[in-house]
Amino acid sequence: DLAVDLRYHNRLDSLLLSLSGARA
C-alpha cells in the first residue's frame, strides 16, 4: 500500500521507489 525510501544520495534510489509498484 505504501513504500517509503528517504535516501536521496543516488538516482537509483529514486528509480527503485518509482518502480516499486506500491499504491503510494
PDBML (XML) file of the C-alpha atoms, coordinates in Angstrom:
<?xml version="1.0" encoding="UTF-8" ?>
<PDBx:datablock datablockName="MODEL"
   xmlns:PDBx="http://pdbml.pdb.org/schema/pdbx-v50.xsd"
   xmlns:xsi="http://www.w3.org/2001/XMLSchema-instance"
   xsi:schemaLocation="http://pdbml.pdb.org/schema/pdbx-v50.xsd pdbx-v50.xsd">
   <PDBx:atom_siteCategory>
      <PDBx:atom_site id="1">
         <PDBx:B_iso_or_equiv>0.00</PDBx:B_iso_or_equiv>
         <PDBx:Cartn_x>0.000</PDBx:Cartn_x>
         <PDBx:Cartn_y>0.000</PDBx:Cartn_y>
         <PDBx:Cartn_z>0.000</PDBx:Cartn_z>
         <PDBx:auth_asym_id>A</PDBx:auth_asym_id>
         <PDBx:auth_atom_id>CA</PDBx:auth_atom_id>
         <PDBx:auth_comp_id>ASP</PDBx:auth_comp_id>
         <PDBx:auth_seq_id>1</PDBx:auth_seq_id>
         <PDBx:group_PDB>ATOM</PDBx:group_PDB>
         <PDBx:label_alt_id xsi:nil="true" />
         <PDBx:label_asym_id>A</PDBx:label_asym_id>
         <PDBx:label_atom_id>CA</PDBx:label_atom_id>
         <PDBx:label_comp_id>ASP</PDBx:label_comp_id>
         <PDBx:label_entity_id>1</PDBx:label_entity_id>
         <PDBx:label_seq_id>1</PDBx:label_seq_id>
         <PDBx:occupancy>1.00</PDBx:occupancy>
         <PDBx:pdbx_PDB_model_num>1</PDBx:pdbx_PDB_model_num>
         <PDBx:type_symbol>C</PDBx:type_symbol>
      </PDBx:atom_site>
      <PDBx:atom_site id="2">
         <PDBx:B_iso_or_equiv>0.00</PDBx:B_iso_or_equiv>
         <PDBx:Cartn_x>2.853</PDBx:Cartn_x>
         <PDBx:Cartn_y>2.394</PDBx:Cartn_y>
         <PDBx:Cartn_z>0.826</PDBx:Cartn_z>
         <PDBx:auth_asym_id>A</PDBx:auth_asym_id>
         <PDBx:auth_atom_id>CA</PDBx:auth_atom_id>
         <PDBx:auth_comp_id>LEU</PDBx:auth_comp_id>
         <PDBx:auth_seq_id>2</PDBx:auth_seq_id>
         <PDBx:group_PDB>ATOM</PDBx:group_PDB>
         <PDBx:label_alt_id xsi:nil="true" />
         <PDBx:label_asym_id>A</PDBx:label_asym_id>
         <PDBx:label_atom_id>CA</PDBx:label_atom_id>
         <PDBx:label_comp_id>LEU</PDBx:label_comp_id>
         <PDBx:label_entity_id>1</PDBx:label_entity_id>
         <PDBx:label_seq_id>2</PDBx:label_seq_id>
         <PDBx:occupancy>1.00</PDBx:occupancy>
         <PDBx:pdbx_PDB_model_num>1</PDBx:pdbx_PDB_model_num>
         <PDBx:type_symbol>C</PDBx:type_symbol>
      </PDBx:atom_site>
      <PDBx:atom_site id="3">
         <PDBx:B_iso_or_equiv>0.00</PDBx:B_iso_or_equiv>
         <PDBx:Cartn_x>6.573</PDBx:Cartn_x>
         <PDBx:Cartn_y>2.425</PDBx:Cartn_y>
         <PDBx:Cartn_z>0.032</PDBx:Cartn_z>
         <PDBx:auth_asym_id>A</PDBx:auth_asym_id>
         <PDBx:auth_atom_id>CA</PDBx:auth_atom_id>
         <PDBx:auth_comp_id>ALA</PDBx:auth_comp_id>
         <PDBx:auth_seq_id>3</PDBx:auth_seq_id>
         <PDBx:group_PDB>ATOM</PDBx:group_PDB>
         <PDBx:label_alt_id xsi:nil="true" />
         <PDBx:label_asym_id>A</PDBx:label_asym_id>
         <PDBx:label_atom_id>CA</PDBx:label_atom_id>
         <PDBx:label_comp_id>ALA</PDBx:label_comp_id>
         <PDBx:label_entity_id>1</PDBx:label_entity_id>
         <PDBx:label_seq_id>3</PDBx:label_seq_id>
         <PDBx:occupancy>1.00</PDBx:occupancy>
         <PDBx:pdbx_PDB_model_num>1</PDBx:pdbx_PDB_model_num>
         <PDBx:type_symbol>C</PDBx:type_symbol>
      </PDBx:atom_site>
      <PDBx:atom_site id="4">
         <PDBx:B_iso_or_equiv>0.00</PDBx:B_iso_or_equiv>
         <PDBx:Cartn_x>8.919</PDBx:Cartn_x>
         <PDBx:Cartn_y>4.832</PDBx:Cartn_y>
         <PDBx:Cartn_z>1.813</PDBx:Cartn_z>
         <PDBx:auth_asym_id>A</PDBx:auth_asym_id>
         <PDBx:auth_atom_id>CA</PDBx:auth_atom_id>
         <PDBx:auth_comp_id>VAL</PDBx:auth_comp_id>
         <PDBx:auth_seq_id>4</PDBx:auth_seq_id>
         <PDBx:group_PDB>ATOM</PDBx:group_PDB>
         <PDBx:label_alt_id xsi:nil="true" />
         <PDBx:label_asym_id>A</PDBx:label_asym_id>
         <PDBx:label_atom_id>CA</PDBx:label_atom_id>
         <PDBx:label_comp_id>VAL</PDBx:label_comp_id>
         <PDBx:label_entity_id>1</PDBx:label_entity_id>
         <PDBx:label_seq_id>4</PDBx:label_seq_id>
         <PDBx:occupancy>1.00</PDBx:occupancy>
         <PDBx:pdbx_PDB_model_num>1</PDBx:pdbx_PDB_model_num>
         <PDBx:type_symbol>C</PDBx:type_symbol>
      </PDBx:atom_site>
      <PDBx:atom_site id="5">
         <PDBx:B_iso_or_equiv>0.00</PDBx:B_iso_or_equiv>
         <PDBx:Cartn_x>12.534</PDBx:Cartn_x>
         <PDBx:Cartn_y>5.412</PDBx:Cartn_y>
         <PDBx:Cartn_z>0.747</PDBx:Cartn_z>
         <PDBx:auth_asym_id>A</PDBx:auth_asym_id>
         <PDBx:auth_atom_id>CA</PDBx:auth_atom_id>
         <PDBx:auth_comp_id>ASP</PDBx:auth_comp_id>
         <PDBx:auth_seq_id>5</PDBx:auth_seq_id>
         <PDBx:group_PDB>ATOM</PDBx:group_PDB>
         <PDBx:label_alt_id xsi:nil="true" />
         <PDBx:label_asym_id>A</PDBx:label_asym_id>
         <PDBx:label_atom_id>CA</PDBx:label_atom_id>
         <PDBx:label_comp_id>ASP</PDBx:label_comp_id>
         <PDBx:label_entity_id>1</PDBx:label_entity_id>
         <PDBx:label_seq_id>5</PDBx:label_seq_id>
         <PDBx:occupancy>1.00</PDBx:occupancy>
         <PDBx:pdbx_PDB_model_num>1</PDBx:pdbx_PDB_model_num>
         <PDBx:type_symbol>C</PDBx:type_symbol>
      </PDBx:atom_site>
      <PDBx:atom_site id="6">
         <PDBx:B_iso_or_equiv>0.00</PDBx:B_iso_or_equiv>
         <PDBx:Cartn_x>14.123</PDBx:Cartn_x>
         <PDBx:Cartn_y>8.565</PDBx:Cartn_y>
         <PDBx:Cartn_z>2.127</PDBx:Cartn_z>
         <PDBx:auth_asym_id>A</PDBx:auth_asym_id>
         <PDBx:auth_atom_id>CA</PDBx:auth_atom_id>
         <PDBx:auth_comp_id>LEU</PDBx:auth_comp_id>
         <PDBx:auth_seq_id>6</PDBx:auth_seq_id>
         <PDBx:group_PDB>ATOM</PDBx:group_PDB>
         <PDBx:label_alt_id xsi:nil="true" />
         <PDBx:label_asym_id>A</PDBx:label_asym_id>
         <PDBx:label_atom_id>CA</PDBx:label_atom_id>
         <PDBx:label_comp_id>LEU</PDBx:label_comp_id>
         <PDBx:label_entity_id>1</PDBx:label_entity_id>
         <PDBx:label_seq_id>6</PDBx:label_seq_id>
         <PDBx:occupancy>1.00</PDBx:occupancy>
         <PDBx:pdbx_PDB_model_num>1</PDBx:pdbx_PDB_model_num>
         <PDBx:type_symbol>C</PDBx:type_symbol>
      </PDBx:atom_site>
      <PDBx:atom_site id="7">
         <PDBx:B_iso_or_equiv>0.00</PDBx:B_iso_or_equiv>
         <PDBx:Cartn_x>17.585</PDBx:Cartn_x>
         <PDBx:Cartn_y>8.064</PDBx:Cartn_y>
         <PDBx:Cartn_z>0.667</PDBx:Cartn_z>
         <PDBx:auth_asym_id>A</PDBx:auth_asym_id>
         <PDBx:auth_atom_id>CA</PDBx:auth_atom_id>
         <PDBx:auth_comp_id>ARG</PDBx:auth_comp_id>
         <PDBx:auth_seq_id>7</PDBx:auth_seq_id>
         <PDBx:group_PDB>ATOM</PDBx:group_PDB>
         <PDBx:label_alt_id xsi:nil="true" />
         <PDBx:label_asym_id>A</PDBx:label_asym_id>
         <PDBx:label_atom_id>CA</PDBx:label_atom_id>
         <PDBx:label_comp_id>ARG</PDBx:label_comp_id>
         <PDBx:label_entity_id>1</PDBx:label_entity_id>
         <PDBx:label_seq_id>7</PDBx:label_seq_id>
         <PDBx:occupancy>1.00</PDBx:occupancy>
         <PDBx:pdbx_PDB_model_num>1</PDBx:pdbx_PDB_model_num>
         <PDBx:type_symbol>C</PDBx:type_symbol>
      </PDBx:atom_site>
      <PDBx:atom_site id="8">
         <PDBx:B_iso_or_equiv>0.00</PDBx:B_iso_or_equiv>
         <PDBx:Cartn_x>18.382</PDBx:Cartn_x>
         <PDBx:Cartn_y>10.795</PDBx:Cartn_y>
         <PDBx:Cartn_z>-1.845</PDBx:Cartn_z>
         <PDBx:auth_asym_id>A</PDBx:auth_asym_id>
         <PDBx:auth_atom_id>CA</PDBx:auth_atom_id>
         <PDBx:auth_comp_id>TYR</PDBx:auth_comp_id>
         <PDBx:auth_seq_id>8</PDBx:auth_seq_id>
         <PDBx:group_PDB>ATOM</PDBx:group_PDB>
         <PDBx:label_alt_id xsi:nil="true" />
         <PDBx:label_asym_id>A</PDBx:label_asym_id>
         <PDBx:label_atom_id>CA</PDBx:label_atom_id>
         <PDBx:label_comp_id>TYR</PDBx:label_comp_id>
         <PDBx:label_entity_id>1</PDBx:label_entity_id>
         <PDBx:label_seq_id>8</PDBx:label_seq_id>
         <PDBx:occupancy>1.00</PDBx:occupancy>
         <PDBx:pdbx_PDB_model_num>1</PDBx:pdbx_PDB_model_num>
         <PDBx:type_symbol>C</PDBx:type_symbol>
      </PDBx:atom_site>
      <PDBx:atom_site id="9">
         <PDBx:B_iso_or_equiv>0.00</PDBx:B_iso_or_equiv>
         <PDBx:Cartn_x>22.096</PDBx:Cartn_x>
         <PDBx:Cartn_y>10.202</PDBx:Cartn_y>
         <PDBx:Cartn_z>-2.471</PDBx:Cartn_z>
         <PDBx:auth_asym_id>A</PDBx:auth_asym_id>
         <PDBx:auth_atom_id>CA</PDBx:auth_atom_id>
         <PDBx:auth_comp_id>HIS</PDBx:auth_comp_id>
         <PDBx:auth_seq_id>9</PDBx:auth_seq_id>
         <PDBx:group_PDB>ATOM</PDBx:group_PDB>
         <PDBx:label_alt_id xsi:nil="true" />
         <PDBx:label_asym_id>A</PDBx:label_asym_id>
         <PDBx:label_atom_id>CA</PDBx:label_atom_id>
         <PDBx:label_comp_id>HIS</PDBx:label_comp_id>
         <PDBx:label_entity_id>1</PDBx:label_entity_id>
         <PDBx:label_seq_id>9</PDBx:label_seq_id>
         <PDBx:occupancy>1.00</PDBx:occupancy>
         <PDBx:pdbx_PDB_model_num>1</PDBx:pdbx_PDB_model_num>
         <PDBx:type_symbol>C</PDBx:type_symbol>
      </PDBx:atom_site>
      <PDBx:atom_site id="10">
         <PDBx:B_iso_or_equiv>0.00</PDBx:B_iso_or_equiv>
         <PDBx:Cartn_x>21.702</PDBx:Cartn_x>
         <PDBx:Cartn_y>8.269</PDBx:Cartn_y>
         <PDBx:Cartn_z>-5.709</PDBx:Cartn_z>
         <PDBx:auth_asym_id>A</PDBx:auth_asym_id>
         <PDBx:auth_atom_id>CA</PDBx:auth_atom_id>
         <PDBx:auth_comp_id>ASN</PDBx:auth_comp_id>
         <PDBx:auth_seq_id>10</PDBx:auth_seq_id>
         <PDBx:group_PDB>ATOM</PDBx:group_PDB>
         <PDBx:label_alt_id xsi:nil="true" />
         <PDBx:label_asym_id>A</PDBx:label_asym_id>
         <PDBx:label_atom_id>CA</PDBx:label_atom_id>
         <PDBx:label_comp_id>ASN</PDBx:label_comp_id>
         <PDBx:label_entity_id>1</PDBx:label_entity_id>
         <PDBx:label_seq_id>10</PDBx:label_seq_id>
         <PDBx:occupancy>1.00</PDBx:occupancy>
         <PDBx:pdbx_PDB_model_num>1</PDBx:pdbx_PDB_model_num>
         <PDBx:type_symbol>C</PDBx:type_symbol>
      </PDBx:atom_site>
      <PDBx:atom_site id="11">
         <PDBx:B_iso_or_equiv>0.00</PDBx:B_iso_or_equiv>
         <PDBx:Cartn_x>19.331</PDBx:Cartn_x>
         <PDBx:Cartn_y>8.366</PDBx:Cartn_y>
         <PDBx:Cartn_z>-8.682</PDBx:Cartn_z>
         <PDBx:auth_asym_id>A</PDBx:auth_asym_id>
         <PDBx:auth_atom_id>CA</PDBx:auth_atom_id>
         <PDBx:auth_comp_id>ARG</PDBx:auth_comp_id>
         <PDBx:auth_seq_id>11</PDBx:auth_seq_id>
         <PDBx:group_PDB>ATOM</PDBx:group_PDB>
         <PDBx:label_alt_id xsi:nil="true" />
         <PDBx:label_asym_id>A</PDBx:label_asym_id>
         <PDBx:label_atom_id>CA</PDBx:label_atom_id>
         <PDBx:label_comp_id>ARG</PDBx:label_comp_id>
         <PDBx:label_entity_id>1</PDBx:label_entity_id>
         <PDBx:label_seq_id>11</PDBx:label_seq_id>
         <PDBx:occupancy>1.00</PDBx:occupancy>
         <PDBx:pdbx_PDB_model_num>1</PDBx:pdbx_PDB_model_num>
         <PDBx:type_symbol>C</PDBx:type_symbol>
      </PDBx:atom_site>
      <PDBx:atom_site id="12">
         <PDBx:B_iso_or_equiv>0.00</PDBx:B_iso_or_equiv>
         <PDBx:Cartn_x>18.773</PDBx:Cartn_x>
         <PDBx:Cartn_y>4.630</PDBx:Cartn_y>
         <PDBx:Cartn_z>-8.395</PDBx:Cartn_z>
         <PDBx:auth_asym_id>A</PDBx:auth_asym_id>
         <PDBx:auth_atom_id>CA</PDBx:auth_atom_id>
         <PDBx:auth_comp_id>LEU</PDBx:auth_comp_id>
         <PDBx:auth_seq_id>12</PDBx:auth_seq_id>
         <PDBx:group_PDB>ATOM</PDBx:group_PDB>
         <PDBx:label_alt_id xsi:nil="true" />
         <PDBx:label_asym_id>A</PDBx:label_asym_id>
         <PDBx:label_atom_id>CA</PDBx:label_atom_id>
         <PDBx:label_comp_id>LEU</PDBx:label_comp_id>
         <PDBx:label_entity_id>1</PDBx:label_entity_id>
         <PDBx:label_seq_id>12</PDBx:label_seq_id>
         <PDBx:occupancy>1.00</PDBx:occupancy>
         <PDBx:pdbx_PDB_model_num>1</PDBx:pdbx_PDB_model_num>
         <PDBx:type_symbol>C</PDBx:type_symbol>
      </PDBx:atom_site>
      <PDBx:atom_site id="13">
         <PDBx:B_iso_or_equiv>0.00</PDBx:B_iso_or_equiv>
         <PDBx:Cartn_x>17.108</PDBx:Cartn_x>
         <PDBx:Cartn_y>5.016</PDBx:Cartn_y>
         <PDBx:Cartn_z>-5.005</PDBx:Cartn_z>
         <PDBx:auth_asym_id>A</PDBx:auth_asym_id>
         <PDBx:auth_atom_id>CA</PDBx:auth_atom_id>
         <PDBx:auth_comp_id>ASP</PDBx:auth_comp_id>
         <PDBx:auth_seq_id>13</PDBx:auth_seq_id>
         <PDBx:group_PDB>ATOM</PDBx:group_PDB>
         <PDBx:label_alt_id xsi:nil="true" />
         <PDBx:label_asym_id>A</PDBx:label_asym_id>
         <PDBx:label_atom_id>CA</PDBx:label_atom_id>
         <PDBx:label_comp_id>ASP</PDBx:label_comp_id>
         <PDBx:label_entity_id>1</PDBx:label_entity_id>
         <PDBx:label_seq_id>13</PDBx:label_seq_id>
         <PDBx:occupancy>1.00</PDBx:occupancy>
         <PDBx:pdbx_PDB_model_num>1</PDBx:pdbx_PDB_model_num>
         <PDBx:type_symbol>C</PDBx:type_symbol>
      </PDBx:atom_site>
      <PDBx:atom_site id="14">
         <PDBx:B_iso_or_equiv>0.00</PDBx:B_iso_or_equiv>
         <PDBx:Cartn_x>14.528</PDBx:Cartn_x>
         <PDBx:Cartn_y>7.276</PDBx:Cartn_y>
         <PDBx:Cartn_z>-6.639</PDBx:Cartn_z>
         <PDBx:auth_asym_id>A</PDBx:auth_asym_id>
         <PDBx:auth_atom_id>CA</PDBx:auth_atom_id>
         <PDBx:auth_comp_id>SER</PDBx:auth_comp_id>
         <PDBx:auth_seq_id>14</PDBx:auth_seq_id>
         <PDBx:group_PDB>ATOM</PDBx:group_PDB>
         <PDBx:label_alt_id xsi:nil="true" />
         <PDBx:label_asym_id>A</PDBx:label_asym_id>
         <PDBx:label_atom_id>CA</PDBx:label_atom_id>
         <PDBx:label_comp_id>SER</PDBx:label_comp_id>
         <PDBx:label_entity_id>1</PDBx:label_entity_id>
         <PDBx:label_seq_id>14</PDBx:label_seq_id>
         <PDBx:occupancy>1.00</PDBx:occupancy>
         <PDBx:pdbx_PDB_model_num>1</PDBx:pdbx_PDB_model_num>
         <PDBx:type_symbol>C</PDBx:type_symbol>
      </PDBx:atom_site>
      <PDBx:atom_site id="15">
         <PDBx:B_iso_or_equiv>0.00</PDBx:B_iso_or_equiv>
         <PDBx:Cartn_x>14.201</PDBx:Cartn_x>
         <PDBx:Cartn_y>4.919</PDBx:Cartn_y>
         <PDBx:Cartn_z>-9.588</PDBx:Cartn_z>
         <PDBx:auth_asym_id>A</PDBx:auth_asym_id>
         <PDBx:auth_atom_id>CA</PDBx:auth_atom_id>
         <PDBx:auth_comp_id>LEU</PDBx:auth_comp_id>
         <PDBx:auth_seq_id>15</PDBx:auth_seq_id>
         <PDBx:group_PDB>ATOM</PDBx:group_PDB>
         <PDBx:label_alt_id xsi:nil="true" />
         <PDBx:label_asym_id>A</PDBx:label_asym_id>
         <PDBx:label_atom_id>CA</PDBx:label_atom_id>
         <PDBx:label_comp_id>LEU</PDBx:label_comp_id>
         <PDBx:label_entity_id>1</PDBx:label_entity_id>
         <PDBx:label_seq_id>15</PDBx:label_seq_id>
         <PDBx:occupancy>1.00</PDBx:occupancy>
         <PDBx:pdbx_PDB_model_num>1</PDBx:pdbx_PDB_model_num>
         <PDBx:type_symbol>C</PDBx:type_symbol>
      </PDBx:atom_site>
      <PDBx:atom_site id="16">
         <PDBx:B_iso_or_equiv>0.00</PDBx:B_iso_or_equiv>
         <PDBx:Cartn_x>13.650</PDBx:Cartn_x>
         <PDBx:Cartn_y>1.970</PDBx:Cartn_y>
         <PDBx:Cartn_z>-7.261</PDBx:Cartn_z>
         <PDBx:auth_asym_id>A</PDBx:auth_asym_id>
         <PDBx:auth_atom_id>CA</PDBx:auth_atom_id>
         <PDBx:auth_comp_id>LEU</PDBx:auth_comp_id>
         <PDBx:auth_seq_id>16</PDBx:auth_seq_id>
         <PDBx:group_PDB>ATOM</PDBx:group_PDB>
         <PDBx:label_alt_id xsi:nil="true" />
         <PDBx:label_asym_id>A</PDBx:label_asym_id>
         <PDBx:label_atom_id>CA</PDBx:label_atom_id>
         <PDBx:label_comp_id>LEU</PDBx:label_comp_id>
         <PDBx:label_entity_id>1</PDBx:label_entity_id>
         <PDBx:label_seq_id>16</PDBx:label_seq_id>
         <PDBx:occupancy>1.00</PDBx:occupancy>
         <PDBx:pdbx_PDB_model_num>1</PDBx:pdbx_PDB_model_num>
         <PDBx:type_symbol>C</PDBx:type_symbol>
      </PDBx:atom_site>
      <PDBx:atom_site id="17">
         <PDBx:B_iso_or_equiv>0.00</PDBx:B_iso_or_equiv>
         <PDBx:Cartn_x>10.895</PDBx:Cartn_x>
         <PDBx:Cartn_y>3.827</PDBx:Cartn_y>
         <PDBx:Cartn_z>-5.439</PDBx:Cartn_z>
         <PDBx:auth_asym_id>A</PDBx:auth_asym_id>
         <PDBx:auth_atom_id>CA</PDBx:auth_atom_id>
         <PDBx:auth_comp_id>LEU</PDBx:auth_comp_id>
         <PDBx:auth_seq_id>17</PDBx:auth_seq_id>
         <PDBx:group_PDB>ATOM</PDBx:group_PDB>
         <PDBx:label_alt_id xsi:nil="true" />
         <PDBx:label_asym_id>A</PDBx:label_asym_id>
         <PDBx:label_atom_id>CA</PDBx:label_atom_id>
         <PDBx:label_comp_id>LEU</PDBx:label_comp_id>
         <PDBx:label_entity_id>1</PDBx:label_entity_id>
         <PDBx:label_seq_id>17</PDBx:label_seq_id>
         <PDBx:occupancy>1.00</PDBx:occupancy>
         <PDBx:pdbx_PDB_model_num>1</PDBx:pdbx_PDB_model_num>
         <PDBx:type_symbol>C</PDBx:type_symbol>
      </PDBx:atom_site>
      <PDBx:atom_site id="18">
         <PDBx:B_iso_or_equiv>0.00</PDBx:B_iso_or_equiv>
         <PDBx:Cartn_x>9.311</PDBx:Cartn_x>
         <PDBx:Cartn_y>4.921</PDBx:Cartn_y>
         <PDBx:Cartn_z>-8.735</PDBx:Cartn_z>
         <PDBx:auth_asym_id>A</PDBx:auth_asym_id>
         <PDBx:auth_atom_id>CA</PDBx:auth_atom_id>
         <PDBx:auth_comp_id>SER</PDBx:auth_comp_id>
         <PDBx:auth_seq_id>18</PDBx:auth_seq_id>
         <PDBx:group_PDB>ATOM</PDBx:group_PDB>
         <PDBx:label_alt_id xsi:nil="true" />
         <PDBx:label_asym_id>A</PDBx:label_asym_id>
         <PDBx:label_atom_id>CA</PDBx:label_atom_id>
         <PDBx:label_comp_id>SER</PDBx:label_comp_id>
         <PDBx:label_entity_id>1</PDBx:label_entity_id>
         <PDBx:label_seq_id>18</PDBx:label_seq_id>
         <PDBx:occupancy>1.00</PDBx:occupancy>
         <PDBx:pdbx_PDB_model_num>1</PDBx:pdbx_PDB_model_num>
         <PDBx:type_symbol>C</PDBx:type_symbol>
      </PDBx:atom_site>
      <PDBx:atom_site id="19">
         <PDBx:B_iso_or_equiv>0.00</PDBx:B_iso_or_equiv>
         <PDBx:Cartn_x>9.156</PDBx:Cartn_x>
         <PDBx:Cartn_y>1.317</PDBx:Cartn_y>
         <PDBx:Cartn_z>-9.939</PDBx:Cartn_z>
         <PDBx:auth_asym_id>A</PDBx:auth_asym_id>
         <PDBx:auth_atom_id>CA</PDBx:auth_atom_id>
         <PDBx:auth_comp_id>LEU</PDBx:auth_comp_id>
         <PDBx:auth_seq_id>19</PDBx:auth_seq_id>
         <PDBx:group_PDB>ATOM</PDBx:group_PDB>
         <PDBx:label_alt_id xsi:nil="true" />
         <PDBx:label_asym_id>A</PDBx:label_asym_id>
         <PDBx:label_atom_id>CA</PDBx:label_atom_id>
         <PDBx:label_comp_id>LEU</PDBx:label_comp_id>
         <PDBx:label_entity_id>1</PDBx:label_entity_id>
         <PDBx:label_seq_id>19</PDBx:label_seq_id>
         <PDBx:occupancy>1.00</PDBx:occupancy>
         <PDBx:pdbx_PDB_model_num>1</PDBx:pdbx_PDB_model_num>
         <PDBx:type_symbol>C</PDBx:type_symbol>
      </PDBx:atom_site>
      <PDBx:atom_site id="20">
         <PDBx:B_iso_or_equiv>0.00</PDBx:B_iso_or_equiv>
         <PDBx:Cartn_x>8.216</PDBx:Cartn_x>
         <PDBx:Cartn_y>-0.275</PDBx:Cartn_y>
         <PDBx:Cartn_z>-6.601</PDBx:Cartn_z>
         <PDBx:auth_asym_id>A</PDBx:auth_asym_id>
         <PDBx:auth_atom_id>CA</PDBx:auth_atom_id>
         <PDBx:auth_comp_id>SER</PDBx:auth_comp_id>
         <PDBx:auth_seq_id>20</PDBx:auth_seq_id>
         <PDBx:group_PDB>ATOM</PDBx:group_PDB>
         <PDBx:label_alt_id xsi:nil="true" />
         <PDBx:label_asym_id>A</PDBx:label_asym_id>
         <PDBx:label_atom_id>CA</PDBx:label_atom_id>
         <PDBx:label_comp_id>SER</PDBx:label_comp_id>
         <PDBx:label_entity_id>1</PDBx:label_entity_id>
         <PDBx:label_seq_id>20</PDBx:label_seq_id>
         <PDBx:occupancy>1.00</PDBx:occupancy>
         <PDBx:pdbx_PDB_model_num>1</PDBx:pdbx_PDB_model_num>
         <PDBx:type_symbol>C</PDBx:type_symbol>
      </PDBx:atom_site>
      <PDBx:atom_site id="21">
         <PDBx:B_iso_or_equiv>0.00</PDBx:B_iso_or_equiv>
         <PDBx:Cartn_x>4.584</PDBx:Cartn_x>
         <PDBx:Cartn_y>-0.769</PDBx:Cartn_y>
         <PDBx:Cartn_z>-7.622</PDBx:Cartn_z>
         <PDBx:auth_asym_id>A</PDBx:auth_asym_id>
         <PDBx:auth_atom_id>CA</PDBx:auth_atom_id>
         <PDBx:auth_comp_id>GLY</PDBx:auth_comp_id>
         <PDBx:auth_seq_id>21</PDBx:auth_seq_id>
         <PDBx:group_PDB>ATOM</PDBx:group_PDB>
         <PDBx:label_alt_id xsi:nil="true" />
         <PDBx:label_asym_id>A</PDBx:label_asym_id>
         <PDBx:label_atom_id>CA</PDBx:label_atom_id>
         <PDBx:label_comp_id>GLY</PDBx:label_comp_id>
         <PDBx:label_entity_id>1</PDBx:label_entity_id>
         <PDBx:label_seq_id>21</PDBx:label_seq_id>
         <PDBx:occupancy>1.00</PDBx:occupancy>
         <PDBx:pdbx_PDB_model_num>1</PDBx:pdbx_PDB_model_num>
         <PDBx:type_symbol>C</PDBx:type_symbol>
      </PDBx:atom_site>
      <PDBx:atom_site id="22">
         <PDBx:B_iso_or_equiv>0.00</PDBx:B_iso_or_equiv>
         <PDBx:Cartn_x>3.218</PDBx:Cartn_x>
         <PDBx:Cartn_y>0.437</PDBx:Cartn_y>
         <PDBx:Cartn_z>-4.287</PDBx:Cartn_z>
         <PDBx:auth_asym_id>A</PDBx:auth_asym_id>
         <PDBx:auth_atom_id>CA</PDBx:auth_atom_id>
         <PDBx:auth_comp_id>ALA</PDBx:auth_comp_id>
         <PDBx:auth_seq_id>22</PDBx:auth_seq_id>
         <PDBx:group_PDB>ATOM</PDBx:group_PDB>
         <PDBx:label_alt_id xsi:nil="true" />
         <PDBx:label_asym_id>A</PDBx:label_asym_id>
         <PDBx:label_atom_id>CA</PDBx:label_atom_id>
         <PDBx:label_comp_id>ALA</PDBx:label_comp_id>
         <PDBx:label_entity_id>1</PDBx:label_entity_id>
         <PDBx:label_seq_id>22</PDBx:label_seq_id>
         <PDBx:occupancy>1.00</PDBx:occupancy>
         <PDBx:pdbx_PDB_model_num>1</PDBx:pdbx_PDB_model_num>
         <PDBx:type_symbol>C</PDBx:type_symbol>
      </PDBx:atom_site>
      <PDBx:atom_site id="23">
         <PDBx:B_iso_or_equiv>0.00</PDBx:B_iso_or_equiv>
         <PDBx:Cartn_x>-0.092</PDBx:Cartn_x>
         <PDBx:Cartn_y>2.282</PDBx:Cartn_y>
         <PDBx:Cartn_z>-4.346</PDBx:Cartn_z>
         <PDBx:auth_asym_id>A</PDBx:auth_asym_id>
         <PDBx:auth_atom_id>CA</PDBx:auth_atom_id>
         <PDBx:auth_comp_id>ARG</PDBx:auth_comp_id>
         <PDBx:auth_seq_id>23</PDBx:auth_seq_id>
         <PDBx:group_PDB>ATOM</PDBx:group_PDB>
         <PDBx:label_alt_id xsi:nil="true" />
         <PDBx:label_asym_id>A</PDBx:label_asym_id>
         <PDBx:label_atom_id>CA</PDBx:label_atom_id>
         <PDBx:label_comp_id>ARG</PDBx:label_comp_id>
         <PDBx:label_entity_id>1</PDBx:label_entity_id>
         <PDBx:label_seq_id>23</PDBx:label_seq_id>
         <PDBx:occupancy>1.00</PDBx:occupancy>
         <PDBx:pdbx_PDB_model_num>1</PDBx:pdbx_PDB_model_num>
         <PDBx:type_symbol>C</PDBx:type_symbol>
      </PDBx:atom_site>
      <PDBx:atom_site id="24">
         <PDBx:B_iso_or_equiv>0.00</PDBx:B_iso_or_equiv>
         <PDBx:Cartn_x>1.585</PDBx:Cartn_x>
         <PDBx:Cartn_y>5.298</PDBx:Cartn_y>
         <PDBx:Cartn_z>-2.693</PDBx:Cartn_z>
         <PDBx:auth_asym_id>A</PDBx:auth_asym_id>
         <PDBx:auth_atom_id>CA</PDBx:auth_atom_id>
         <PDBx:auth_comp_id>ALA</PDBx:auth_comp_id>
         <PDBx:auth_seq_id>24</PDBx:auth_seq_id>
         <PDBx:group_PDB>ATOM</PDBx:group_PDB>
         <PDBx:label_alt_id xsi:nil="true" />
         <PDBx:label_asym_id>A</PDBx:label_asym_id>
         <PDBx:label_atom_id>CA</PDBx:label_atom_id>
         <PDBx:label_comp_id>ALA</PDBx:label_comp_id>
         <PDBx:label_entity_id>1</PDBx:label_entity_id>
         <PDBx:label_seq_id>24</PDBx:label_seq_id>
         <PDBx:occupancy>1.00</PDBx:occupancy>
         <PDBx:pdbx_PDB_model_num>1</PDBx:pdbx_PDB_model_num>
         <PDBx:type_symbol>C</PDBx:type_symbol>
      </PDBx:atom_site>
   </PDBx:atom_siteCategory>
</PDBx:datablock>
